[in-house]
Protein backbone atom coordinates (compact mmCIF):
# COMPACT_ATOMS: atom_id res chain seq x y z
CA MET A 1 174.78 170.45 -59.96
CA ARG A 2 177.49 171.11 -62.56
CA THR A 3 177.47 169.99 -66.23
CA TYR A 4 180.04 170.13 -69.04
CA GLU A 5 179.47 169.01 -72.63
CA SER A 6 181.99 168.60 -75.46
CA PRO A 7 180.64 169.29 -78.96
CA SER A 8 181.14 166.73 -81.71
CA SER A 9 180.88 166.38 -85.46
CA ILE A 10 181.34 162.58 -85.39
CA ARG A 11 178.51 160.65 -86.99
CA ILE A 12 178.08 156.88 -87.25
CA ALA A 13 176.02 155.92 -90.29
CA PRO A 14 173.18 153.41 -89.65
CA GLN A 15 174.72 150.80 -91.97
CA GLU A 16 178.25 150.94 -90.49
CA GLN A 17 179.80 148.11 -88.53
CA LEU A 18 183.19 147.44 -86.95
CA ALA A 19 184.53 145.04 -89.58
CA ASP A 20 183.99 147.42 -92.51
CA THR A 21 187.38 149.08 -92.08
CA VAL A 22 189.17 145.73 -92.53
CA TYR A 23 188.09 145.54 -96.15
CA ARG A 24 189.21 149.00 -97.24
CA SER A 25 191.30 148.77 -100.41
CA ASP A 26 193.10 152.11 -100.03
CA ARG A 27 195.67 150.88 -97.50
CA ALA A 28 196.27 147.26 -98.51
CA LYS A 29 200.07 147.60 -98.40
CA ALA A 30 200.21 149.46 -95.08
CA VAL A 31 201.63 147.51 -92.13
CA LEU A 32 198.97 147.24 -89.43
CA PHE A 33 200.49 144.68 -87.05
CA ASP A 34 203.75 143.21 -85.80
CA ARG A 35 203.21 139.53 -85.11
CA PRO A 36 205.62 137.54 -82.90
CA THR A 37 207.61 134.72 -84.50
CA GLY A 38 210.18 132.35 -83.02
CA SER A 39 213.01 134.72 -83.85
CA GLY A 40 211.43 138.16 -83.71
CA TRP A 41 208.50 140.05 -85.18
CA GLU A 42 206.79 139.68 -88.55
CA PRO A 43 205.05 142.69 -90.17
CA VAL A 44 201.44 142.06 -91.19
CA THR A 45 199.92 144.26 -93.88
CA ALA A 46 196.31 145.39 -94.02
CA ALA A 47 195.78 143.08 -97.00
CA ARG A 48 197.11 140.07 -95.04
CA PHE A 49 194.94 140.97 -92.05
CA ALA A 50 191.86 141.26 -94.27
CA SER A 51 192.60 137.84 -95.78
CA ASP A 52 193.05 136.28 -92.32
CA VAL A 53 189.77 137.80 -91.10
CA HIS A 54 187.79 136.88 -94.22
CA SER A 55 188.95 133.25 -94.31
CA LEU A 56 188.16 132.76 -90.61
CA ALA A 57 184.77 134.42 -91.09
CA ALA A 58 184.04 131.89 -93.86
CA GLY A 59 185.07 129.14 -91.45
CA PHE A 60 182.61 130.39 -88.84
CA LEU A 61 179.86 130.34 -91.47
CA ALA A 62 180.80 126.77 -92.42
CA ALA A 63 180.57 125.84 -88.71
CA GLY A 64 177.02 127.17 -88.53
CA ILE A 65 177.57 130.42 -86.62
CA ARG A 66 174.49 132.57 -87.20
CA THR A 67 173.81 136.27 -86.94
CA GLY A 68 173.53 137.24 -83.26
CA ASP A 69 175.10 134.03 -81.93
CA ARG A 70 177.27 134.61 -78.89
CA VAL A 71 180.76 133.14 -79.17
CA ALA A 72 182.97 133.27 -76.06
CA LEU A 73 186.66 134.13 -76.46
CA LEU A 74 188.92 132.79 -73.69
CA ALA A 75 192.48 133.78 -74.52
CA ALA A 76 195.34 136.09 -73.70
CA THR A 77 196.04 139.23 -75.74
CA SER A 78 197.29 138.19 -79.18
CA TYR A 79 197.01 138.78 -82.94
CA GLU A 80 194.72 135.72 -83.11
CA TRP A 81 192.33 137.40 -80.67
CA THR A 82 192.02 140.45 -82.92
CA VAL A 83 191.51 138.32 -86.05
CA THR A 84 188.82 136.29 -84.26
CA ASP A 85 187.09 139.45 -83.02
CA TYR A 86 186.86 140.92 -86.51
CA ALA A 87 185.90 137.59 -88.12
CA LEU A 88 182.95 137.25 -85.75
CA TRP A 89 181.92 140.85 -86.38
CA THR A 90 182.13 140.17 -90.13
CA VAL A 91 179.46 137.46 -89.88
CA GLY A 92 177.29 139.40 -87.41
CA ALA A 93 178.13 137.23 -84.40
CA VAL A 94 178.73 138.57 -80.88
CA PRO A 95 182.13 137.94 -79.25
CA VAL A 96 181.92 137.48 -75.48
CA PRO A 97 185.40 137.97 -73.97
CA VAL A 98 186.49 135.97 -70.91
CA TYR A 99 189.68 136.72 -68.96
CA ASP A 100 192.22 133.98 -69.59
CA THR A 101 192.81 133.81 -65.83
CA ALA A 102 189.14 133.11 -65.07
CA SER A 103 188.22 130.11 -62.94
CA ALA A 104 185.92 127.34 -64.18
CA GLU A 105 183.11 128.81 -62.06
CA GLN A 106 183.56 132.28 -63.60
CA ILE A 107 183.74 130.84 -67.12
CA GLN A 108 180.57 128.84 -66.53
CA TRP A 109 178.66 131.92 -65.36
CA VAL A 110 179.64 133.96 -68.42
CA LEU A 111 178.83 131.16 -70.85
CA GLU A 112 175.53 130.33 -69.15
CA ASP A 113 174.35 133.90 -68.85
CA SER A 114 175.38 134.91 -72.39
CA GLN A 115 173.94 131.65 -73.82
CA ALA A 116 177.11 131.15 -75.86
CA VAL A 117 176.88 128.54 -78.65
CA ALA A 118 180.65 128.19 -79.11
CA THR A 119 183.95 129.12 -77.50
CA VAL A 120 187.39 129.92 -78.88
CA VAL A 121 190.08 129.07 -76.31
CA GLU A 122 193.83 129.53 -76.56
CA THR A 123 195.50 126.68 -74.69
CA SER A 124 194.99 123.12 -73.48
CA ASP A 125 194.69 124.49 -69.95
CA HIS A 126 191.75 126.64 -71.06
CA ARG A 127 190.24 123.60 -72.74
CA ARG A 128 190.57 121.55 -69.56
CA ARG A 129 188.71 124.26 -67.66
CA MET A 130 186.04 124.14 -70.33
CA ALA A 131 185.80 120.34 -70.10
CA ASP A 132 184.87 120.61 -66.44
CA ILE A 133 181.80 122.68 -67.21
CA GLN A 134 180.76 121.72 -70.74
CA VAL A 135 178.38 119.00 -69.55
CA ASP A 136 176.39 121.72 -67.79
CA LEU A 137 176.13 123.86 -70.95
CA PRO A 138 173.89 121.97 -73.39
CA GLY A 139 173.70 125.00 -75.71
CA LEU A 140 177.47 125.06 -76.22
CA ARG A 141 178.08 123.24 -79.52
CA GLN A 142 181.75 123.89 -80.30
CA VAL A 143 185.08 124.54 -78.58
CA TRP A 144 188.00 125.60 -80.81
CA GLN A 145 191.56 125.70 -79.46
CA ILE A 146 193.96 128.21 -81.03
CA ASP A 147 197.28 126.53 -80.21
CA ALA A 148 195.93 123.15 -81.40
CA GLY A 149 195.44 124.53 -84.91
CA ASP A 150 191.64 124.65 -84.78
CA LEU A 151 191.44 128.10 -86.39
CA ALA A 152 193.52 126.84 -89.33
CA ARG A 153 191.12 123.90 -89.69
CA LEU A 154 188.18 126.32 -89.58
CA ARG A 155 189.74 128.30 -92.42
CA ARG A 156 190.11 125.15 -94.53
CA GLU A 157 186.48 124.23 -93.86
CA GLY A 158 185.51 127.73 -94.98
CA GLU A 159 187.19 127.39 -98.37
CA GLY A 160 183.94 126.07 -99.80
CA VAL A 161 181.95 129.10 -98.62
CA PRO A 162 181.52 131.69 -101.42
CA GLY A 163 183.07 135.06 -100.62
CA SER A 164 179.79 136.72 -101.59
CA ARG A 165 178.06 134.94 -98.72
CA VAL A 166 180.55 136.38 -96.24
CA ASP A 167 180.01 139.86 -97.72
CA GLU A 168 176.23 139.47 -97.49
CA ARG A 169 176.45 138.67 -93.79
CA ARG A 170 178.70 141.69 -93.18
CA ASP A 171 176.44 144.01 -95.17
CA ALA A 172 173.42 142.90 -93.12
CA VAL A 173 174.93 144.13 -89.82
CA ARG A 174 173.81 147.55 -88.61
CA ALA A 175 175.41 150.09 -86.29
CA ASP A 176 172.81 149.54 -83.58
CA ASP A 177 173.30 145.76 -83.54
CA THR A 178 175.05 144.19 -80.56
CA ALA A 179 178.80 143.98 -81.19
CA THR A 180 179.92 142.39 -77.92
CA ILE A 181 178.83 141.53 -74.38
CA ILE A 182 181.55 142.33 -71.86
CA TYR A 183 181.15 141.02 -68.34
CA THR A 184 182.35 143.47 -65.74
CA SER A 185 185.12 142.27 -63.45
CA GLY A 186 183.34 144.07 -60.64
CA THR A 187 184.62 144.19 -57.08
CA THR A 188 181.28 142.95 -55.71
CA GLY A 189 178.67 140.42 -56.81
CA ARG A 190 178.45 138.40 -60.00
CA PRO A 191 179.65 140.07 -63.19
CA LYS A 192 176.99 141.79 -65.28
CA GLY A 193 177.00 141.56 -69.06
CA CYS A 194 177.36 145.00 -70.65
CA VAL A 195 175.85 145.11 -74.13
CA LEU A 196 177.87 147.33 -76.48
CA THR A 197 176.80 148.05 -80.04
CA HIS A 198 178.89 148.55 -83.16
CA ALA A 199 177.99 152.24 -82.94
CA ASN A 200 179.18 152.43 -79.31
CA LEU A 201 182.65 151.07 -80.06
CA LEU A 202 183.03 152.89 -83.38
CA TYR A 203 182.08 156.20 -81.80
CA ASP A 204 184.38 155.77 -78.81
CA ALA A 205 187.29 154.78 -81.06
CA ARG A 206 186.77 157.71 -83.43
CA ALA A 207 186.24 160.18 -80.60
CA SER A 208 189.46 158.94 -78.98
CA ILE A 209 191.33 159.36 -82.28
CA GLU A 210 190.00 162.91 -82.61
CA ALA A 211 190.91 163.83 -79.04
CA LEU A 212 194.36 162.20 -79.24
CA ARG A 213 195.23 163.11 -82.83
CA GLU A 214 198.75 164.21 -81.77
CA ILE A 215 199.40 160.63 -80.62
CA PHE A 216 197.62 158.78 -83.43
CA GLY A 217 199.97 160.30 -86.00
CA ARG A 218 201.36 158.94 -89.25
CA ASP A 219 204.14 156.82 -87.72
CA ALA A 220 202.32 155.96 -84.48
CA SER A 221 202.76 152.50 -83.00
CA THR A 222 202.00 150.74 -79.74
CA VAL A 223 202.49 147.45 -77.91
CA LEU A 224 199.27 146.14 -76.41
CA PHE A 225 199.87 144.10 -73.25
CA LEU A 226 196.66 144.76 -71.32
CA PRO A 227 194.01 142.00 -71.51
CA LEU A 228 191.75 142.31 -74.55
CA ALA A 229 188.97 140.91 -72.38
CA HIS A 230 188.85 144.42 -70.86
CA VAL A 231 187.04 147.19 -72.70
CA PHE A 232 189.97 149.64 -72.47
CA ALA A 233 192.34 147.48 -74.55
CA ARG A 234 189.49 146.46 -76.83
CA VAL A 235 188.53 150.00 -77.87
CA ILE A 236 192.18 150.94 -78.45
CA GLN A 237 192.45 147.87 -80.67
CA VAL A 238 189.49 149.21 -82.67
CA ALA A 239 191.01 152.70 -82.81
CA CYS A 240 194.34 151.33 -84.09
CA VAL A 241 192.67 149.29 -86.84
CA GLU A 242 190.39 152.22 -87.75
CA HIS A 243 193.24 154.72 -87.99
CA GLY A 244 196.03 152.45 -89.21
CA VAL A 245 198.20 152.66 -86.09
CA ARG A 246 200.81 149.89 -86.04
CA LEU A 247 199.94 147.43 -83.28
CA ALA A 248 201.83 144.57 -81.63
CA HIS A 249 200.35 142.19 -79.06
CA THR A 250 202.02 140.50 -76.12
CA SER A 251 200.73 138.76 -73.02
CA ASP A 252 204.21 137.91 -71.70
CA VAL A 253 204.64 140.78 -69.25
CA ALA A 254 207.92 139.31 -67.97
CA ARG A 255 209.42 139.89 -71.44
CA LEU A 256 207.74 143.24 -71.97
CA PRO A 257 211.00 145.24 -71.63
CA ASP A 258 212.53 143.13 -74.42
CA HIS A 259 209.46 143.62 -76.61
CA LEU A 260 209.48 147.37 -76.03
CA ALA A 261 213.17 147.55 -76.90
CA ALA A 262 212.61 145.59 -80.13
CA LEU A 263 209.45 147.38 -81.28
CA ARG A 264 210.12 150.91 -79.97
CA PRO A 265 206.49 152.08 -79.77
CA THR A 266 205.54 155.75 -79.73
CA PHE A 267 202.88 155.35 -77.06
CA ILE A 268 201.68 152.66 -74.65
CA LEU A 269 198.51 151.82 -72.76
CA SER A 270 198.66 151.10 -69.07
CA VAL A 271 196.80 150.95 -65.81
CA PRO A 272 198.04 152.94 -62.78
CA ARG A 273 199.34 149.87 -60.95
CA VAL A 274 201.78 149.12 -63.79
CA LEU A 275 203.05 152.71 -63.80
CA GLU A 276 203.39 152.63 -60.01
CA LYS A 277 205.47 149.46 -60.26
CA VAL A 278 207.72 150.88 -63.00
CA TYR A 279 208.47 153.87 -60.78
CA ALA A 280 208.97 151.73 -57.66
CA ARG A 281 211.36 149.35 -59.49
CA ALA A 282 213.44 152.25 -60.82
CA ARG A 283 213.69 153.77 -57.34
CA GLN A 284 214.56 150.40 -55.82
CA ARG A 285 217.29 149.67 -58.40
CA ALA A 286 218.83 153.08 -57.76
CA GLU A 287 218.96 152.35 -54.03
CA GLU A 288 220.59 148.94 -54.67
CA GLN A 289 223.24 150.57 -56.88
CA GLY A 290 224.06 153.20 -54.28
CA ARG A 291 222.46 155.92 -56.41
CA GLY A 292 219.39 156.45 -54.26
CA GLY A 293 220.30 160.05 -53.47
CA VAL A 294 220.75 160.89 -57.16
CA PHE A 295 217.39 159.30 -58.01
CA ARG A 296 215.58 161.19 -55.25
CA ARG A 297 217.04 164.51 -56.42
CA ALA A 298 216.17 163.63 -60.04
CA GLU A 299 212.63 162.79 -58.93
CA ARG A 300 212.21 166.12 -57.14
CA VAL A 301 213.50 168.01 -60.18
CA ALA A 302 211.18 166.07 -62.52
CA VAL A 303 208.13 166.89 -60.37
CA ARG A 304 209.09 170.56 -59.99
CA TYR A 305 209.80 170.88 -63.71
CA SER A 306 206.41 169.40 -64.62
CA GLN A 307 204.64 171.65 -62.13
CA ALA A 308 206.46 174.65 -63.63
CA LEU A 309 205.22 173.67 -67.10
CA ASP A 310 201.68 174.32 -65.86
CA ARG A 311 202.83 177.88 -65.08
CA LYS A 312 204.71 178.00 -68.42
CA ARG A 313 207.96 179.13 -66.77
CA PRO A 314 210.39 176.46 -65.51
CA GLY A 315 213.18 179.00 -64.94
CA LEU A 316 216.86 178.80 -65.87
CA ARG A 317 218.21 176.92 -62.80
CA LEU A 318 215.42 174.37 -62.94
CA THR A 319 215.89 173.92 -66.69
CA LEU A 320 219.63 173.31 -66.28
CA ALA A 321 219.04 170.82 -63.46
CA HIS A 322 216.44 169.07 -65.61
CA ARG A 323 218.91 168.78 -68.51
CA LEU A 324 221.56 167.32 -66.18
CA PHE A 325 219.23 164.67 -64.77
CA ASP A 326 217.93 163.93 -68.25
CA ARG A 327 221.43 162.69 -69.12
CA LEU A 328 221.93 160.92 -65.79
CA VAL A 329 218.48 159.40 -65.10
CA TYR A 330 215.52 160.28 -67.32
CA ARG A 331 217.03 159.03 -70.58
CA LYS A 332 217.58 155.59 -69.01
CA LEU A 333 213.98 155.46 -67.79
CA ARG A 334 212.70 156.30 -71.28
CA ALA A 335 215.03 153.68 -72.77
CA ALA A 336 213.34 151.05 -70.59
CA LEU A 337 210.13 151.82 -72.54
CA GLY A 338 211.86 151.45 -75.89
CA GLY A 339 213.27 154.96 -76.23
CA ARG A 340 210.51 156.49 -78.39
CA VAL A 341 207.52 156.55 -76.02
CA THR A 342 206.33 160.09 -75.45
CA HIS A 343 202.90 159.35 -73.97
CA ALA A 344 201.15 156.67 -71.93
CA ILE A 345 197.37 156.45 -71.93
CA SER A 346 196.22 155.33 -68.50
CA GLY A 347 192.80 154.27 -67.25
CA GLY A 348 191.08 152.08 -64.69
CA ALA A 349 191.88 154.19 -61.61
CA PRO A 350 193.52 157.52 -60.75
CA LEU A 351 197.31 157.55 -60.95
CA GLY A 352 198.00 160.26 -58.39
CA THR A 353 199.19 163.81 -58.97
CA ARG A 354 202.82 163.36 -57.90
CA LEU A 355 203.43 160.36 -60.16
CA GLY A 356 201.72 162.19 -63.00
CA HIS A 357 204.17 165.06 -62.61
CA PHE A 358 207.09 162.64 -62.23
CA TYR A 359 206.36 160.92 -65.54
CA ARG A 360 205.82 164.15 -67.44
CA GLY A 361 209.04 165.46 -65.90
CA ILE A 362 211.06 162.53 -67.29
CA GLY A 363 209.55 162.99 -70.76
CA VAL A 364 206.69 160.45 -70.77
CA THR A 365 203.40 162.29 -70.32
CA VAL A 366 200.67 160.13 -68.80
CA LEU A 367 197.29 161.01 -70.26
CA GLU A 368 194.75 159.81 -67.73
CA GLY A 369 191.26 159.03 -68.91
CA TYR A 370 188.06 157.83 -67.30
CA GLY A 371 185.27 155.55 -68.31
CA LEU A 372 183.47 152.31 -67.57
CA THR A 373 182.60 149.20 -69.50
CA GLU A 374 179.16 150.82 -69.69
CA THR A 375 180.68 153.76 -71.62
CA SER A 376 182.56 151.62 -74.18
CA ALA A 377 185.79 152.54 -72.34
CA ALA A 378 186.76 156.23 -72.43
CA ALA A 379 184.31 159.01 -71.60
CA THR A 380 186.91 161.63 -70.65
CA VAL A 381 190.64 161.97 -71.37
CA ASN A 382 193.53 164.37 -71.01
CA THR A 383 195.15 165.26 -74.32
CA PRO A 384 198.64 166.54 -75.16
CA SER A 385 197.21 170.01 -75.83
CA ALA A 386 194.71 170.05 -72.94
CA ILE A 387 196.08 168.36 -69.83
CA LYS A 388 195.54 168.87 -66.13
CA ILE A 389 197.59 166.45 -64.08
CA GLY A 390 195.55 165.01 -61.24
CA SER A 391 192.42 165.01 -63.38
CA VAL A 392 191.07 162.46 -65.87
CA GLY A 393 190.62 165.12 -68.53
CA LYS A 394 187.71 166.63 -70.37
CA PRO A 395 184.75 164.78 -71.90
CA LEU A 396 185.35 163.18 -75.29
CA PRO A 397 183.57 164.86 -78.22
CA GLY A 398 179.83 164.27 -77.85
CA VAL A 399 180.01 163.27 -74.17
CA THR A 400 178.36 165.21 -71.36
CA VAL A 401 179.49 164.98 -67.72
CA ARG A 402 177.28 166.01 -64.81
CA ILE A 403 178.04 166.09 -61.09
CA ALA A 404 174.94 165.28 -59.02
CA GLU A 405 174.12 166.99 -55.73
CA ASP A 406 175.75 164.14 -53.76
CA GLY A 407 178.91 164.28 -55.91
CA GLU A 408 178.14 161.26 -58.09
CA ILE A 409 179.37 161.42 -61.69
CA LEU A 410 176.71 161.05 -64.39
CA LEU A 411 177.53 160.52 -68.07
CA ARG A 412 175.54 160.81 -71.28
CA GLY A 413 176.44 160.46 -74.97
CA PRO A 414 176.91 158.03 -77.87
CA VAL A 415 179.45 155.99 -75.88
CA VAL A 416 176.87 154.98 -73.24
CA PHE A 417 175.65 151.41 -73.59
CA PRO A 418 171.99 150.44 -74.17
CA GLY A 419 171.82 148.24 -71.06
CA TYR A 420 172.78 145.00 -69.33
CA TRP A 421 172.26 141.65 -70.97
CA ARG A 422 169.06 140.00 -69.70
CA ASN A 423 168.95 142.29 -66.67
CA GLU A 424 166.30 144.94 -67.20
CA GLN A 425 165.93 145.77 -63.50
CA VAL A 426 169.59 146.74 -62.99
CA THR A 427 169.53 148.61 -66.31
CA LYS A 428 166.67 150.77 -65.03
CA GLU A 429 168.55 151.43 -61.80
CA THR A 430 171.70 152.48 -63.69
CA LEU A 431 170.41 154.22 -66.82
CA THR A 432 167.73 156.92 -66.83
CA ALA A 433 165.07 157.18 -69.52
CA ASP A 434 166.80 160.25 -70.98
CA GLY A 435 170.18 158.53 -71.23
CA TRP A 436 172.08 159.51 -68.05
CA LEU A 437 174.34 156.79 -66.66
CA TYR A 438 174.87 156.68 -62.89
CA THR A 439 178.54 155.70 -62.58
CA GLY A 440 178.82 155.08 -58.84
CA ASP A 441 181.97 157.24 -58.81
CA VAL A 442 182.34 160.53 -56.96
CA GLY A 443 184.18 163.48 -58.47
CA THR A 444 184.44 167.18 -59.20
CA LEU A 445 184.28 169.20 -62.41
CA ASP A 446 186.20 172.46 -62.76
CA ASP A 447 185.22 175.52 -64.80
CA ASN A 448 187.25 174.31 -67.80
CA GLY A 449 185.61 170.89 -67.92
CA PHE A 450 188.38 168.83 -66.31
CA LEU A 451 187.00 165.93 -64.25
CA ALA A 452 188.72 164.71 -61.07
CA ILE A 453 187.82 161.37 -59.48
CA SER A 454 187.57 161.24 -55.69
CA GLY A 455 186.69 157.55 -55.38
CA ARG A 456 183.89 155.03 -55.49
CA LYS A 457 180.66 156.11 -53.82
CA LYS A 458 180.25 152.69 -52.19
CA GLU A 459 183.81 152.90 -50.77
CA LEU A 460 183.13 156.09 -48.83
CA ILE A 461 184.31 155.69 -45.23
CA VAL A 462 182.32 157.52 -42.57
CA THR A 463 184.26 157.59 -39.32
CA ALA A 464 182.64 157.48 -35.88
CA GLY A 465 183.26 161.23 -35.68
CA GLY A 466 181.19 161.80 -38.83
CA LYS A 467 184.13 162.53 -41.17
CA ASN A 468 183.61 161.40 -44.78
CA VAL A 469 186.78 159.92 -46.28
CA LEU A 470 187.36 158.56 -49.78
CA PRO A 471 190.48 156.41 -49.37
CA ALA A 472 191.69 156.35 -53.00
CA GLU A 473 194.28 159.14 -52.73
CA LEU A 474 195.84 157.77 -49.55
CA GLU A 475 196.01 154.25 -50.99
CA ASP A 476 197.40 155.40 -54.35
CA ARG A 477 200.23 157.35 -52.73
CA LEU A 478 201.24 154.49 -50.45
CA ARG A 479 201.28 151.95 -53.31
CA ALA A 480 204.00 154.00 -55.01
CA HIS A 481 206.48 152.93 -52.29
CA PRO A 482 208.81 150.10 -53.44
CA LEU A 483 208.12 148.01 -50.34
CA ILE A 484 204.31 148.22 -50.57
CA SER A 485 202.12 146.22 -52.94
CA GLN A 486 198.51 146.82 -51.88
CA VAL A 487 196.73 149.05 -49.37
CA VAL A 488 193.17 148.79 -48.08
CA ALA A 489 192.10 151.66 -45.85
CA VAL A 490 189.50 150.90 -43.16
CA GLY A 491 187.64 153.01 -40.63
CA ASP A 492 183.91 152.94 -41.35
CA GLN A 493 182.15 153.78 -38.06
CA ARG A 494 185.55 153.63 -36.33
CA PRO A 495 187.36 156.44 -34.50
CA PHE A 496 190.10 156.88 -37.12
CA ILE A 497 191.47 155.63 -40.45
CA ALA A 498 193.70 152.56 -40.35
CA GLY A 499 195.01 150.24 -43.05
CA LEU A 500 195.82 146.74 -44.19
CA ILE A 501 199.10 146.67 -46.11
CA THR A 502 200.76 143.95 -48.16
CA LEU A 503 204.41 143.75 -49.18
CA ASP A 504 205.78 143.85 -52.70
CA GLU A 505 207.76 140.69 -53.50
CA GLU A 506 210.71 142.38 -55.21
CA GLY A 507 210.73 145.31 -52.81
CA LEU A 508 210.77 142.94 -49.84
CA ALA A 509 213.65 140.95 -51.32
CA ALA A 510 215.73 144.12 -51.64
CA TRP A 511 214.81 145.20 -48.11
CA LYS A 512 215.78 141.81 -46.63
CA LYS A 513 219.19 142.06 -48.27
CA SER A 514 219.83 145.59 -47.00
CA ALA A 515 218.48 144.81 -43.52
CA GLY A 516 220.45 141.57 -43.13
CA LYS A 517 217.38 139.37 -42.95
CA PRO A 518 217.32 135.77 -44.26
CA ALA A 519 216.43 135.65 -47.95
CA SER A 520 214.00 132.83 -47.17
CA ALA A 521 212.02 134.89 -44.64
CA THR A 522 208.36 135.22 -45.71
CA PRO A 523 206.00 138.18 -45.27
CA ALA A 524 204.16 136.14 -42.64
CA GLN A 525 207.40 135.74 -40.67
CA LEU A 526 208.39 139.39 -41.03
CA ARG A 527 205.04 141.15 -40.66
CA ASP A 528 205.78 142.12 -37.03
CA ASP A 529 209.52 142.71 -37.44
CA PRO A 530 210.33 146.09 -35.79
CA ALA A 531 212.72 147.16 -38.56
CA LEU A 532 210.17 146.35 -41.26
CA ILE A 533 207.38 148.09 -39.36
CA ALA A 534 209.58 151.16 -38.99
CA GLN A 535 210.24 151.22 -42.75
CA VAL A 536 206.52 150.98 -43.58
CA GLN A 537 205.73 153.55 -40.88
CA GLN A 538 208.12 155.98 -42.54
CA ALA A 539 206.22 155.57 -45.82
CA VAL A 540 202.91 156.10 -44.00
CA ASP A 541 204.22 159.22 -42.26
CA GLU A 542 205.37 160.71 -45.57
CA VAL A 543 201.95 160.15 -47.15
CA ASN A 544 200.07 161.35 -44.06
CA ALA A 545 201.83 164.70 -44.46
CA THR A 546 200.16 165.14 -47.86
CA VAL A 547 196.51 164.45 -46.93
CA SER A 548 193.99 166.02 -44.58
CA ARG A 549 193.95 165.18 -40.87
CA ALA A 550 190.79 163.08 -41.24
CA GLU A 551 192.41 161.01 -44.03
CA ARG A 552 195.62 160.18 -42.17
CA MET A 553 196.33 156.54 -41.44
CA ARG A 554 196.83 156.23 -37.69
CA ARG A 555 197.64 152.52 -37.58
CA PHE A 556 198.31 149.69 -39.99
CA ARG A 557 198.71 145.94 -40.10
CA VAL A 558 201.01 144.11 -42.51
CA LEU A 559 199.18 141.08 -43.93
CA PRO A 560 200.88 137.66 -44.15
CA GLY A 561 200.71 137.58 -47.96
CA ASP A 562 199.93 139.70 -50.98
CA LEU A 563 196.46 140.26 -52.40
CA THR A 564 196.30 138.43 -55.71
CA GLU A 565 193.81 137.70 -58.45
CA ALA A 566 194.41 133.98 -57.98
CA HIS A 567 193.08 134.18 -54.41
CA GLY A 568 190.09 136.30 -55.43
CA TYR A 569 191.27 139.57 -53.85
CA LEU A 570 191.94 141.45 -57.11
CA THR A 571 189.99 141.81 -60.32
CA PRO A 572 191.78 141.04 -63.62
CA THR A 573 192.41 144.80 -63.91
CA LEU A 574 194.11 144.79 -60.48
CA LYS A 575 191.37 146.53 -58.53
CA VAL A 576 190.96 145.37 -54.93
CA ARG A 577 187.81 143.45 -54.05
CA ARG A 578 187.47 145.38 -50.83
CA ALA A 579 184.52 143.49 -49.33
CA ARG A 580 186.28 140.15 -49.76
CA VAL A 581 189.45 141.49 -48.13
CA LEU A 582 187.58 142.96 -45.17
CA LYS A 583 185.70 139.70 -44.66
CA ASP A 584 188.74 137.42 -44.79
CA PHE A 585 190.95 139.71 -42.69
CA ALA A 586 188.32 140.81 -40.18
CA ALA A 587 190.54 139.73 -37.29
CA ASP A 588 193.34 142.01 -38.49
CA VAL A 589 190.90 144.91 -38.74
CA GLU A 590 189.67 144.30 -35.22
CA ALA A 591 193.28 144.19 -33.96
CA LEU A 592 193.82 147.71 -35.34
CA TYR A 593 191.20 149.15 -33.02
CA ARG A 594 191.92 147.29 -29.80
CA ALA A 595 193.14 149.37 -26.86
């Protein structure tokens, strides 16, 4: 059993709460946000933000929202989300985020289980989904729609509420009070409500700022495009407001390149799947332009240069090659992120060592971190001054990591939640009396405190020959190929590892053009095409050469369509719901092991 603890001097006072920082007078003129307008972006000062929060808080008081009331928030990432979050915290209410892509059934479960008294929705579509279930929720008194102007009406109704009453409600909130209930987008079973306190989120935000102080500098800015319903984006939101980092919101991922070019952030947040797609698109475009060979050489140089940085001696020839490809390739890749991004903070799943070296080699260092909703987001993180590519970094200040005898990762510290909402039994199974959280993840801890994730304990594959295989590394490497979208390795109690593979829409379109296939041909029509199978087999062979013999994928099946959130195969954070996939594609799995 191995343990590593990071010391901390961070203290959260008993009377502190998340909204306190909004009302600081020392930075009233500082620009905190960039808010989208019809023609561009409008700067929002701290004073304007405080006014927006305070007036909406008064509106919630006028509407009868009481201390401790749960208010669901069903919307995409936006400035209005952040204002609503802080307004509810101001009056001691408890925001309950819901993914804007959630189905009516999922929405109903969250609202029923949290006993929400009101809901803030963004669009008429969200309201229609609410209308289908509202008759079954007698405790739900109000539904406010953002794009229908309901928040503006709330503010007008709050004009008669004395400002002192708002301040009294804020002053009554304590650090140990519940700040939010976040329902996990788990890959199995019904979501569980994770209770997070004001102290949890404040501590995680401040510990992240301390660990990443080189990034959270004086002129730091970011564009937040991940869903605020997820704890990762939420705690970064808190950190930006706490530290005065300039923040812009967007939920229009299709226009993200335009937004990055206009706003030119210094760092971004991401999940590995987004970074995999950025790399795959760049590689694919190079192939289409007849520059595939140049890109592949540039990629090799980037990886070798990054690896040499770990040894602190890139060498003259490698340095010169790196400078050449910086002019030819890397500079263009950085420009696609706005031109000023030096770091990306990534969480949710491991990125993979090669892609980590690739990004650092082109000048955008990916700082991988690790945590759960139950740990208020980050528990460990790589930092610019302490990075080990392939790991998820060292524990944040005040966090202790322990590796159990069976390899499971245990966590303890101020970021760990107090328990699940109305679910004492599962809380006892997950959280020990002395504060250790059983994560369900398997990993290793080196002598310097760097944590590496091997995979989910419940996803361990035990082959018929008794080999234990965690499929994450194999799957991560294959997903980096432009033609491949998702990979699900199989092989439990089978003679070897095999896989279910889906095709990337853009990658397939490029392949059809180069292979002379009809543009209208679907994945279902092409899944057994010999030329396509040969292309995927080449990708599998390349990855098989990088893993152990037991981990190699001996066979694969191309599925007739992609795995999507809309069909229930992915969580909102793009993790595969493995059990659902294996159930629905059981016939394809069986076909892999015939003969």
